[in-house]
Amino acid sequence: GVDTKVFFRRNIPYQYSLCIIGAISKYKNSHKLFEAINSITNIKLKILIVGNFDETMKDINLSNHDVTHKSYVNHIELPNLYSSSKILCIASYIEGMPKVVLEASACGTPVIGFEGSSIDDIIINEKNGYIIKNNNFEDFKNKILLSINNDLTQMNIFGSNIIKEKYSLKNYAYRFDQV
């Protein structure tokens, strides 16, 4: 669950087009995500990356875009970072219950991620983000562009509300207790 007293929607102007939060590695498909982002050449994205690059990613860059990289931030800083980012991108094929997806959604930040990675248990396609099928990074890129170029207010509101309803600590504990 998510502490919705800490992770909630804030009215902060967007500083970043997108954020990537977590381990940056080939295991998490970061290299494919970076390729998709680098194929966007008609606009310069402002990208926030929070996390460490592992050895598999040392030669990869996003030189076409304006990147802010933070190896580490205090957990209490994350709500403002999510809220100041238009979207969260998560490219891994395999995830448990990704906390970053829950936290970003609680803050009203839509998420783009892959079907079958448990992200689609949290994200309802076109309601609080986009679910990409069949590891299609071209579609991933197109959803980034769609997100950047459109008003996401309805996704912001829906995402924050769905987390309050299903994944707040209180509601999640209640559901867990029922099991």
N, C-alpha and C. Protein backbone atom coordinates (compact mmCIF):
# COMPACT_ATOMS: atom_id res chain seq x y z
N GLY A 1 0.82 -1.20 0.00
CA GLY A 1 0.00 0.00 0.00
C GLY A 1 0.86 1.25 0.00
N VAL A 2 0.19 2.39 -0.06
CA VAL A 2 0.85 3.69 -0.12
C VAL A 2 0.29 4.59 0.96
N ASP A 3 1.17 5.32 1.59
CA ASP A 3 0.75 6.30 2.58
C ASP A 3 0.22 7.53 1.83
N THR A 4 -1.10 7.59 1.68
CA THR A 4 -1.71 8.67 0.91
C THR A 4 -1.74 10.00 1.66
N LYS A 5 -1.22 9.99 2.88
CA LYS A 5 -1.03 11.27 3.58
C LYS A 5 0.30 11.91 3.16
N VAL A 6 1.17 11.11 2.60
CA VAL A 6 2.45 11.60 2.09
C VAL A 6 2.41 11.70 0.57
N PHE A 7 1.90 10.65 -0.07
CA PHE A 7 1.83 10.59 -1.53
C PHE A 7 0.42 10.95 -1.98
N PHE A 8 0.27 12.21 -2.40
CA PHE A 8 -1.01 12.70 -2.87
C PHE A 8 -0.76 13.74 -3.96
N ARG A 9 -1.81 14.05 -4.71
CA ARG A 9 -1.72 14.97 -5.84
C ARG A 9 -1.46 16.40 -5.36
N ARG A 10 -0.42 17.00 -5.90
CA ARG A 10 -0.07 18.38 -5.59
C ARG A 10 -0.21 19.22 -6.86
N ASN A 11 -0.54 20.45 -6.68
CA ASN A 11 -0.64 21.36 -7.83
C ASN A 11 0.70 22.07 -8.01
N ILE A 12 1.63 21.34 -8.58
CA ILE A 12 2.98 21.84 -8.84
C ILE A 12 3.14 21.93 -10.36
N PRO A 13 3.66 23.04 -10.85
CA PRO A 13 3.91 23.11 -12.31
C PRO A 13 4.91 22.03 -12.73
N TYR A 14 4.71 21.51 -13.92
CA TYR A 14 5.62 20.49 -14.43
C TYR A 14 7.01 21.07 -14.66
N GLN A 15 8.01 20.44 -14.08
CA GLN A 15 9.39 20.78 -14.37
C GLN A 15 9.97 19.79 -15.36
N TYR A 16 9.40 18.58 -15.39
CA TYR A 16 9.95 17.49 -16.20
C TYR A 16 8.87 16.92 -17.12
N SER A 17 9.28 16.59 -18.34
CA SER A 17 8.38 15.92 -19.27
C SER A 17 8.08 14.52 -18.77
N LEU A 18 9.11 13.86 -18.28
CA LEU A 18 8.93 12.50 -17.77
C LEU A 18 9.98 12.20 -16.71
N CYS A 19 9.65 11.22 -15.89
CA CYS A 19 10.63 10.76 -14.90
C CYS A 19 10.78 9.25 -15.00
N ILE A 20 11.96 8.80 -14.63
CA ILE A 20 12.31 7.39 -14.55
C ILE A 20 12.91 7.23 -13.16
N ILE A 21 12.28 6.40 -12.34
CA ILE A 21 12.72 6.28 -10.96
C ILE A 21 12.94 4.81 -10.64
N GLY A 22 14.15 4.50 -10.19
CA GLY A 22 14.51 3.12 -9.85
C GLY A 22 15.84 2.75 -10.47
N ALA A 23 16.15 1.47 -10.39
CA ALA A 23 17.41 0.97 -10.95
C ALA A 23 17.43 1.17 -12.46
N ILE A 24 18.56 1.63 -12.97
CA ILE A 24 18.73 1.84 -14.41
C ILE A 24 19.65 0.73 -14.90
N SER A 25 19.04 -0.25 -15.59
CA SER A 25 19.82 -1.42 -16.02
C SER A 25 19.17 -2.07 -17.23
N LYS A 26 19.94 -2.90 -17.91
CA LYS A 26 19.38 -3.65 -19.04
C LYS A 26 18.33 -4.63 -18.55
N TYR A 27 18.50 -5.17 -17.35
CA TYR A 27 17.51 -6.07 -16.77
C TYR A 27 16.15 -5.38 -16.68
N LYS A 28 16.15 -4.09 -16.44
CA LYS A 28 14.91 -3.30 -16.34
C LYS A 28 14.54 -2.67 -17.68
N ASN A 29 15.24 -3.06 -18.77
CA ASN A 29 14.99 -2.55 -20.12
C ASN A 29 15.24 -1.06 -20.27
N SER A 30 16.08 -0.51 -19.43
CA SER A 30 16.38 0.92 -19.53
C SER A 30 17.01 1.26 -20.87
N HIS A 31 17.84 0.38 -21.40
CA HIS A 31 18.49 0.64 -22.68
C HIS A 31 17.46 0.79 -23.80
N LYS A 32 16.43 -0.05 -23.80
CA LYS A 32 15.38 0.03 -24.82
C LYS A 32 14.54 1.30 -24.62
N LEU A 33 14.26 1.64 -23.38
CA LEU A 33 13.53 2.86 -23.10
C LEU A 33 14.33 4.08 -23.57
N PHE A 34 15.64 4.08 -23.29
CA PHE A 34 16.48 5.20 -23.73
C PHE A 34 16.52 5.29 -25.25
N GLU A 35 16.56 4.15 -25.94
CA GLU A 35 16.52 4.16 -27.41
C GLU A 35 15.22 4.79 -27.90
N ALA A 36 14.11 4.41 -27.29
CA ALA A 36 12.81 4.97 -27.68
C ALA A 36 12.80 6.48 -27.43
N ILE A 37 13.30 6.90 -26.28
CA ILE A 37 13.33 8.33 -25.97
C ILE A 37 14.26 9.07 -26.92
N ASN A 38 15.41 8.49 -27.22
CA ASN A 38 16.35 9.14 -28.15
C ASN A 38 15.81 9.23 -29.57
N SER A 39 14.83 8.38 -29.90
CA SER A 39 14.24 8.45 -31.24
C SER A 39 13.26 9.63 -31.36
N ILE A 40 12.97 10.27 -30.24
CA ILE A 40 12.16 11.49 -30.25
C ILE A 40 13.12 12.65 -30.52
N THR A 41 13.06 13.17 -31.73
CA THR A 41 14.02 14.19 -32.13
C THR A 41 13.39 15.55 -32.41
N ASN A 42 12.07 15.59 -32.50
CA ASN A 42 11.42 16.85 -32.84
C ASN A 42 11.20 17.77 -31.64
N ILE A 43 11.36 17.24 -30.43
CA ILE A 43 11.27 18.08 -29.23
C ILE A 43 12.36 17.65 -28.25
N LYS A 44 12.77 18.59 -27.42
CA LYS A 44 13.77 18.30 -26.40
C LYS A 44 13.02 18.07 -25.09
N LEU A 45 13.07 16.85 -24.60
CA LEU A 45 12.39 16.49 -23.37
C LEU A 45 13.22 16.87 -22.16
N LYS A 46 12.54 17.25 -21.09
CA LYS A 46 13.20 17.44 -19.79
C LYS A 46 12.94 16.17 -19.01
N ILE A 47 14.01 15.45 -18.71
CA ILE A 47 13.90 14.12 -18.11
C ILE A 47 14.54 14.11 -16.74
N LEU A 48 13.83 13.54 -15.78
CA LEU A 48 14.37 13.33 -14.44
C LEU A 48 14.63 11.84 -14.27
N ILE A 49 15.85 11.51 -13.91
CA ILE A 49 16.20 10.12 -13.60
C ILE A 49 16.66 10.07 -12.15
N VAL A 50 16.00 9.23 -11.37
CA VAL A 50 16.41 9.01 -9.98
C VAL A 50 16.76 7.54 -9.85
N GLY A 51 18.01 7.27 -9.57
CA GLY A 51 18.47 5.89 -9.42
C GLY A 51 19.87 5.74 -9.97
N ASN A 52 20.44 4.62 -9.68
CA ASN A 52 21.81 4.35 -10.11
C ASN A 52 21.85 3.58 -11.41
N PHE A 53 22.80 3.95 -12.26
CA PHE A 53 23.07 3.22 -13.49
C PHE A 53 23.97 2.05 -13.13
N ASP A 54 23.61 0.85 -13.55
CA ASP A 54 24.51 -0.27 -13.28
C ASP A 54 25.53 -0.38 -14.43
N GLU A 55 26.43 -1.33 -14.32
CA GLU A 55 27.51 -1.49 -15.30
C GLU A 55 27.01 -1.70 -16.72
N THR A 56 25.84 -2.31 -16.88
CA THR A 56 25.32 -2.58 -18.23
C THR A 56 24.89 -1.31 -18.94
N MET A 57 24.78 -0.21 -18.23
CA MET A 57 24.25 1.02 -18.80
C MET A 57 25.29 2.14 -18.91
N LYS A 58 26.55 1.85 -18.63
CA LYS A 58 27.54 2.92 -18.56
C LYS A 58 27.78 3.63 -19.89
N ASP A 59 27.50 3.00 -21.02
CA ASP A 59 27.72 3.63 -22.32
C ASP A 59 26.45 4.22 -22.94
N ILE A 60 25.38 4.21 -22.21
CA ILE A 60 24.09 4.68 -22.71
C ILE A 60 23.86 6.12 -22.26
N ASN A 61 23.29 6.93 -23.14
CA ASN A 61 22.98 8.30 -22.73
C ASN A 61 21.71 8.79 -23.41
N LEU A 62 21.29 9.93 -23.01
CA LEU A 62 20.11 10.60 -23.58
C LEU A 62 20.54 11.99 -24.04
N SER A 63 21.57 12.05 -24.87
CA SER A 63 22.19 13.32 -25.23
C SER A 63 21.28 14.26 -26.00
N ASN A 64 20.19 13.76 -26.59
CA ASN A 64 19.28 14.63 -27.34
C ASN A 64 18.36 15.43 -26.43
N HIS A 65 18.40 15.14 -25.14
CA HIS A 65 17.43 15.73 -24.22
C HIS A 65 18.12 16.35 -23.01
N ASP A 66 17.36 17.12 -22.26
CA ASP A 66 17.83 17.79 -21.05
C ASP A 66 17.58 16.84 -19.86
N VAL A 67 18.64 16.25 -19.33
CA VAL A 67 18.51 15.22 -18.30
C VAL A 67 19.03 15.73 -16.96
N THR A 68 18.22 15.51 -15.93
CA THR A 68 18.64 15.72 -14.55
C THR A 68 18.74 14.34 -13.91
N HIS A 69 19.93 14.00 -13.42
CA HIS A 69 20.13 12.69 -12.80
C HIS A 69 20.46 12.86 -11.33
N LYS A 70 19.74 12.13 -10.50
CA LYS A 70 20.01 12.09 -9.07
C LYS A 70 20.17 10.62 -8.69
N SER A 71 21.34 10.28 -8.19
CA SER A 71 21.57 8.90 -7.79
C SER A 71 20.64 8.49 -6.66
N TYR A 72 20.39 9.42 -5.77
CA TYR A 72 19.57 9.12 -4.60
C TYR A 72 18.81 10.37 -4.18
N VAL A 73 17.57 10.19 -3.76
CA VAL A 73 16.83 11.25 -3.09
C VAL A 73 16.17 10.65 -1.86
N ASN A 74 15.98 11.46 -0.87
CA ASN A 74 15.27 11.04 0.33
C ASN A 74 13.84 10.71 -0.06
N HIS A 75 13.30 9.65 0.53
CA HIS A 75 11.95 9.18 0.19
C HIS A 75 10.90 10.29 0.33
N ILE A 76 11.09 11.18 1.26
CA ILE A 76 10.13 12.25 1.51
C ILE A 76 10.11 13.27 0.36
N GLU A 77 11.18 13.29 -0.47
CA GLU A 77 11.24 14.20 -1.62
C GLU A 77 10.46 13.68 -2.83
N LEU A 78 10.20 12.37 -2.85
CA LEU A 78 9.59 11.76 -4.03
C LEU A 78 8.23 12.35 -4.42
N PRO A 79 7.32 12.63 -3.47
CA PRO A 79 6.02 13.17 -3.90
C PRO A 79 6.13 14.43 -4.76
N ASN A 80 7.03 15.33 -4.40
CA ASN A 80 7.20 16.54 -5.20
C ASN A 80 7.82 16.23 -6.57
N LEU A 81 8.71 15.25 -6.62
CA LEU A 81 9.32 14.88 -7.90
C LEU A 81 8.29 14.23 -8.82
N TYR A 82 7.48 13.32 -8.28
CA TYR A 82 6.41 12.73 -9.09
C TYR A 82 5.48 13.83 -9.60
N SER A 83 5.06 14.70 -8.68
CA SER A 83 4.08 15.73 -9.03
C SER A 83 4.62 16.74 -10.03
N SER A 84 5.93 16.92 -10.07
CA SER A 84 6.52 17.88 -11.01
C SER A 84 6.88 17.23 -12.34
N SER A 85 6.51 15.95 -12.50
CA SER A 85 6.77 15.22 -13.75
C SER A 85 5.44 14.91 -14.43
N LYS A 86 5.38 15.11 -15.72
CA LYS A 86 4.11 14.88 -16.43
C LYS A 86 3.77 13.40 -16.46
N ILE A 87 4.77 12.52 -16.64
CA ILE A 87 4.53 11.08 -16.66
C ILE A 87 5.71 10.35 -16.02
N LEU A 88 5.44 9.12 -15.59
CA LEU A 88 6.47 8.19 -15.12
C LEU A 88 6.58 7.09 -16.16
N CYS A 89 7.79 6.77 -16.56
CA CYS A 89 8.02 5.67 -17.50
C CYS A 89 8.71 4.53 -16.77
N ILE A 90 8.16 3.32 -16.92
CA ILE A 90 8.76 2.13 -16.34
C ILE A 90 8.74 1.05 -17.41
N ALA A 91 9.92 0.60 -17.81
CA ALA A 91 10.04 -0.24 -19.00
C ALA A 91 10.30 -1.71 -18.69
N SER A 92 10.35 -2.10 -17.44
CA SER A 92 10.66 -3.50 -17.13
C SER A 92 9.49 -4.40 -17.50
N TYR A 93 9.83 -5.62 -17.91
CA TYR A 93 8.83 -6.61 -18.26
C TYR A 93 8.34 -7.36 -17.03
N ILE A 94 9.20 -7.41 -16.02
CA ILE A 94 8.89 -8.19 -14.82
C ILE A 94 8.98 -7.28 -13.61
N GLU A 95 7.89 -7.17 -12.89
CA GLU A 95 7.84 -6.40 -11.65
C GLU A 95 6.95 -7.16 -10.68
N GLY A 96 7.19 -6.96 -9.40
CA GLY A 96 6.26 -7.48 -8.41
C GLY A 96 5.09 -6.54 -8.32
N MET A 97 5.02 -5.78 -7.28
CA MET A 97 4.04 -4.70 -7.13
C MET A 97 4.87 -3.43 -7.02
N PRO A 98 5.18 -2.81 -8.17
CA PRO A 98 6.13 -1.70 -8.16
C PRO A 98 5.65 -0.50 -7.36
N LYS A 99 6.38 -0.23 -6.30
CA LYS A 99 6.04 0.88 -5.40
C LYS A 99 6.04 2.21 -6.14
N VAL A 100 6.97 2.40 -7.10
CA VAL A 100 7.02 3.67 -7.82
C VAL A 100 5.73 3.92 -8.60
N VAL A 101 5.11 2.87 -9.10
CA VAL A 101 3.86 3.03 -9.85
C VAL A 101 2.74 3.44 -8.90
N LEU A 102 2.69 2.82 -7.73
CA LEU A 102 1.69 3.20 -6.73
C LEU A 102 1.90 4.64 -6.26
N GLU A 103 3.14 4.98 -5.97
CA GLU A 103 3.44 6.33 -5.48
C GLU A 103 3.16 7.39 -6.54
N ALA A 104 3.60 7.16 -7.76
CA ALA A 104 3.38 8.12 -8.84
C ALA A 104 1.88 8.33 -9.07
N SER A 105 1.14 7.24 -9.14
CA SER A 105 -0.31 7.33 -9.34
C SER A 105 -0.98 8.07 -8.19
N ALA A 106 -0.55 7.80 -6.97
CA ALA A 106 -1.11 8.50 -5.81
C ALA A 106 -0.90 10.01 -5.94
N CYS A 107 0.23 10.39 -6.54
CA CYS A 107 0.54 11.81 -6.74
C CYS A 107 -0.11 12.36 -8.00
N GLY A 108 -0.88 11.53 -8.70
CA GLY A 108 -1.57 11.97 -9.90
C GLY A 108 -0.71 11.96 -11.14
N THR A 109 0.43 11.28 -11.10
CA THR A 109 1.31 11.21 -12.26
C THR A 109 0.99 9.96 -13.07
N PRO A 110 0.51 10.10 -14.30
CA PRO A 110 0.21 8.93 -15.13
C PRO A 110 1.48 8.11 -15.38
N VAL A 111 1.27 6.81 -15.61
CA VAL A 111 2.38 5.86 -15.78
C VAL A 111 2.26 5.19 -17.13
N ILE A 112 3.40 5.04 -17.80
CA ILE A 112 3.47 4.24 -19.02
C ILE A 112 4.31 3.01 -18.69
N GLY A 113 3.74 1.83 -18.91
CA GLY A 113 4.44 0.58 -18.61
C GLY A 113 3.88 -0.57 -19.42
N PHE A 114 4.49 -1.74 -19.26
CA PHE A 114 4.14 -2.90 -20.06
C PHE A 114 3.08 -3.79 -19.43
N GLU A 115 2.27 -4.35 -20.30
CA GLU A 115 1.27 -5.33 -19.92
C GLU A 115 1.98 -6.57 -19.36
N GLY A 116 1.35 -7.19 -18.38
CA GLY A 116 1.88 -8.44 -17.84
C GLY A 116 3.00 -8.27 -16.85
N SER A 117 3.29 -7.06 -16.45
CA SER A 117 4.38 -6.83 -15.51
C SER A 117 3.85 -6.44 -14.14
N SER A 118 2.59 -6.70 -13.88
CA SER A 118 1.82 -6.33 -12.69
C SER A 118 1.53 -4.83 -12.65
N ILE A 119 2.15 -4.08 -13.53
CA ILE A 119 1.82 -2.67 -13.65
C ILE A 119 0.37 -2.55 -14.11
N ASP A 120 -0.04 -3.49 -14.96
CA ASP A 120 -1.42 -3.45 -15.46
C ASP A 120 -2.44 -3.87 -14.40
N ASP A 121 -1.98 -4.24 -13.22
CA ASP A 121 -2.90 -4.44 -12.09
C ASP A 121 -3.24 -3.09 -11.46
N ILE A 122 -2.38 -2.11 -11.64
CA ILE A 122 -2.54 -0.79 -11.03
C ILE A 122 -3.04 0.23 -12.05
N ILE A 123 -2.47 0.18 -13.25
CA ILE A 123 -2.79 1.16 -14.29
C ILE A 123 -3.92 0.63 -15.15
N ILE A 124 -4.94 1.45 -15.31
CA ILE A 124 -6.05 1.14 -16.20
C ILE A 124 -5.81 1.94 -17.48
N ASN A 125 -5.60 1.23 -18.56
CA ASN A 125 -5.19 1.87 -19.81
C ASN A 125 -6.09 3.05 -20.17
N GLU A 126 -5.44 4.16 -20.43
CA GLU A 126 -6.05 5.42 -20.83
C GLU A 126 -6.87 6.09 -19.72
N LYS A 127 -6.80 5.55 -18.49
CA LYS A 127 -7.48 6.17 -17.35
C LYS A 127 -6.48 6.83 -16.41
N ASN A 128 -5.41 6.10 -16.06
CA ASN A 128 -4.37 6.68 -15.21
C ASN A 128 -2.97 6.39 -15.78
N GLY A 129 -2.95 6.13 -17.07
CA GLY A 129 -1.69 5.87 -17.75
C GLY A 129 -1.93 5.05 -19.00
N TYR A 130 -0.86 4.47 -19.50
CA TYR A 130 -0.94 3.66 -20.71
C TYR A 130 -0.25 2.32 -20.49
N ILE A 131 -0.92 1.26 -20.90
CA ILE A 131 -0.35 -0.07 -20.86
C ILE A 131 0.08 -0.42 -22.29
N ILE A 132 1.34 -0.77 -22.43
CA ILE A 132 1.91 -1.10 -23.73
C ILE A 132 1.94 -2.62 -23.87
N LYS A 133 1.49 -3.11 -25.01
CA LYS A 133 1.45 -4.55 -25.27
C LYS A 133 2.66 -5.00 -26.06
N ASN A 134 2.99 -6.27 -25.90
CA ASN A 134 3.99 -6.96 -26.73
C ASN A 134 5.34 -6.28 -26.79
N ASN A 135 5.76 -5.67 -25.68
CA ASN A 135 7.09 -5.07 -25.62
C ASN A 135 7.35 -4.11 -26.77
N ASN A 136 6.35 -3.38 -27.17
CA ASN A 136 6.39 -2.51 -28.33
C ASN A 136 6.93 -1.13 -27.94
N PHE A 137 8.23 -0.93 -28.13
CA PHE A 137 8.84 0.34 -27.75
C PHE A 137 8.46 1.49 -28.70
N GLU A 138 8.04 1.16 -29.90
CA GLU A 138 7.54 2.22 -30.80
C GLU A 138 6.24 2.79 -30.22
N ASP A 139 5.37 1.91 -29.73
CA ASP A 139 4.14 2.36 -29.08
C ASP A 139 4.46 3.11 -27.79
N PHE A 140 5.47 2.65 -27.07
CA PHE A 140 5.91 3.34 -25.84
C PHE A 140 6.28 4.79 -26.18
N LYS A 141 7.10 4.94 -27.22
CA LYS A 141 7.50 6.28 -27.67
C LYS A 141 6.27 7.11 -28.04
N ASN A 142 5.34 6.52 -28.77
CA ASN A 142 4.14 7.25 -29.18
C ASN A 142 3.29 7.66 -27.98
N LYS A 143 3.25 6.84 -26.96
CA LYS A 143 2.48 7.20 -25.75
C LYS A 143 3.19 8.32 -24.98
N ILE A 144 4.50 8.33 -25.00
CA ILE A 144 5.24 9.45 -24.40
C ILE A 144 4.85 10.74 -25.12
N LEU A 145 4.90 10.72 -26.44
CA LEU A 145 4.56 11.91 -27.22
C LEU A 145 3.11 12.32 -27.00
N LEU A 146 2.21 11.36 -26.97
CA LEU A 146 0.80 11.65 -26.72
C LEU A 146 0.63 12.32 -25.36
N SER A 147 1.33 11.80 -24.37
CA SER A 147 1.25 12.36 -23.02
C SER A 147 1.82 13.78 -22.96
N ILE A 148 2.96 13.97 -23.58
CA ILE A 148 3.62 15.27 -23.55
C ILE A 148 2.76 16.34 -24.23
N ASN A 149 2.07 15.94 -25.28
CA ASN A 149 1.33 16.90 -26.10
C ASN A 149 -0.13 17.10 -25.68
N ASN A 150 -0.57 16.43 -24.62
CA ASN A 150 -1.98 16.53 -24.24
C ASN A 150 -2.15 16.88 -22.77
N ASP A 151 -3.33 17.37 -22.47
CA ASP A 151 -3.72 17.67 -21.09
C ASP A 151 -4.05 16.34 -20.39
N LEU A 152 -3.41 16.06 -19.29
CA LEU A 152 -3.60 14.80 -18.58
C LEU A 152 -4.39 14.98 -17.28
N THR A 153 -5.10 16.08 -17.15
CA THR A 153 -5.80 16.37 -15.89
C THR A 153 -6.71 15.24 -15.46
N GLN A 154 -7.47 14.67 -16.39
CA GLN A 154 -8.38 13.58 -16.02
C GLN A 154 -7.61 12.35 -15.54
N MET A 155 -6.48 12.06 -16.17
CA MET A 155 -5.63 10.95 -15.71
C MET A 155 -5.06 11.25 -14.33
N ASN A 156 -4.66 12.50 -14.10
CA ASN A 156 -4.11 12.89 -12.80
C ASN A 156 -5.13 12.61 -11.70
N ILE A 157 -6.34 13.04 -11.91
CA ILE A 157 -7.40 12.89 -10.91
C ILE A 157 -7.76 11.42 -10.72
N PHE A 158 -7.97 10.71 -11.81
CA PHE A 158 -8.35 9.30 -11.73
C PHE A 158 -7.28 8.49 -11.01
N GLY A 159 -6.02 8.72 -11.37
CA GLY A 159 -4.92 7.97 -10.76
C GLY A 159 -4.85 8.18 -9.27
N SER A 160 -4.93 9.42 -8.85
CA SER A 160 -4.89 9.71 -7.42
C SER A 160 -6.07 9.07 -6.69
N ASN A 161 -7.25 9.15 -7.28
CA ASN A 161 -8.45 8.57 -6.65
C ASN A 161 -8.40 7.05 -6.56
N ILE A 162 -7.93 6.39 -7.61
CA ILE A 162 -7.90 4.92 -7.61
C ILE A 162 -6.93 4.40 -6.55
N ILE A 163 -5.84 5.12 -6.33
CA ILE A 163 -4.89 4.70 -5.30
C ILE A 163 -5.52 4.88 -3.93
N LYS A 164 -6.20 5.99 -3.70
CA LYS A 164 -6.88 6.20 -2.42
C LYS A 164 -7.89 5.08 -2.15
N GLU A 165 -8.63 4.70 -3.19
CA GLU A 165 -9.68 3.69 -3.03
C GLU A 165 -9.13 2.28 -2.84
N LYS A 166 -8.08 1.93 -3.56
CA LYS A 166 -7.61 0.54 -3.56
C LYS A 166 -6.30 0.31 -2.81
N TYR A 167 -5.42 1.29 -2.79
CA TYR A 167 -4.07 1.03 -2.31
C TYR A 167 -3.61 1.92 -1.16
N SER A 168 -4.52 2.73 -0.58
CA SER A 168 -4.11 3.47 0.62
C SER A 168 -3.76 2.43 1.68
N LEU A 169 -2.91 2.79 2.62
CA LEU A 169 -2.52 1.82 3.65
C LEU A 169 -3.73 1.23 4.35
N LYS A 170 -4.70 2.07 4.67
CA LYS A 170 -5.91 1.60 5.37
C LYS A 170 -6.70 0.61 4.51
N ASN A 171 -6.98 0.97 3.27
CA ASN A 171 -7.76 0.09 2.40
C ASN A 171 -7.00 -1.18 2.02
N TYR A 172 -5.71 -1.04 1.81
CA TYR A 172 -4.90 -2.20 1.46
C TYR A 172 -4.83 -3.17 2.64
N ALA A 173 -4.66 -2.63 3.85
CA ALA A 173 -4.63 -3.47 5.05
C ALA A 173 -5.96 -4.19 5.24
N TYR A 174 -7.05 -3.49 4.99
CA TYR A 174 -8.37 -4.10 5.11
C TYR A 174 -8.51 -5.26 4.12
N ARG A 175 -8.15 -5.04 2.87
CA ARG A 175 -8.24 -6.10 1.86
C ARG A 175 -7.33 -7.27 2.21
N PHE A 176 -6.16 -6.97 2.69
CA PHE A 176 -5.21 -8.02 3.09
C PHE A 176 -5.79 -8.84 4.25
N ASP A 177 -6.40 -8.14 5.20
CA ASP A 177 -7.01 -8.80 6.35
C ASP A 177 -8.15 -9.72 5.90
N GLN A 178 -8.88 -9.32 4.87
CA GLN A 178 -9.98 -10.14 4.37
C GLN A 178 -9.48 -11.45 3.76
N VAL A 179 -8.31 -11.41 3.18
CA VAL A 179 -7.72 -12.61 2.59
C VAL A 179 -7.32 -13.56 3.70
